[in-house]
Amino acid sequence: MEKIIKGKAFVLGDNIDTDQIIPAEHLVYSLTDEEEAKKYGHFALSGVPISKAGLPKGGTPFIEGDNFLSEFNIVIGGSNFGCGSSREHAPFALEKAGVKAIVAQSYARIFYRNSVDGGFLVPTESEVELNKEISTGDEIEIDLENYKLTNKTTNSSYSLKQLGSVLPIVEAGGIFEYARKNNMI
């Protein structure tokens, strides 16, 4: 696990659900075939209506054209990020699109667990509504040792909540890797 994550922010609103993260019609691709798995990255966040209030200024798309990777590797969300179905494909799709971390005010429990257990993403939380403080395209640095997010574009810093008991699972790369490292399986 990277202790310092740097990159561009993609800012979303509240209640981003798993069907917005990866629409159901795109769940037909193999998760294990690398060429097919790239398509999850291509369609990540394709269900987010760009005209909806609180979404990226200027209707910035998360994925440009036929690309599989986004230029944005940090997602900033509001409250209840990842609500909806228990689709494990949602954090997988974001990881395939190049996302390293998500910072939200709160998460739907199942999305949070799927992110941690699968070792896909680092889901951090902030007390502050960062989706109202940060703009899409801002350069961000997340320091996971000091639990701090710095917006390099505006030179603003914010505290993040500690990962607590999920930290060893995140550091191991997921629940199965954690269990292997601790001789549980």
Foldseek 3Di string as FASTA:
>chain_A
DDQKDKAFEFFAEEDAALCQQPNPVLPPFDCPPVVRLLVLQVRGSVNPDLVDPLGAPPSDDQHPDRGSAGRGQEYEYEEAPHDDDLDLSRLSSSLSNNHAEYEYQYYDVSNCQSCLAQLRYHYWYFPDNVSVVDHGGFMWMARLVQQKIARPRVRDMGHIDHPPPSVLSNVLRHDVSSCVVVVVD
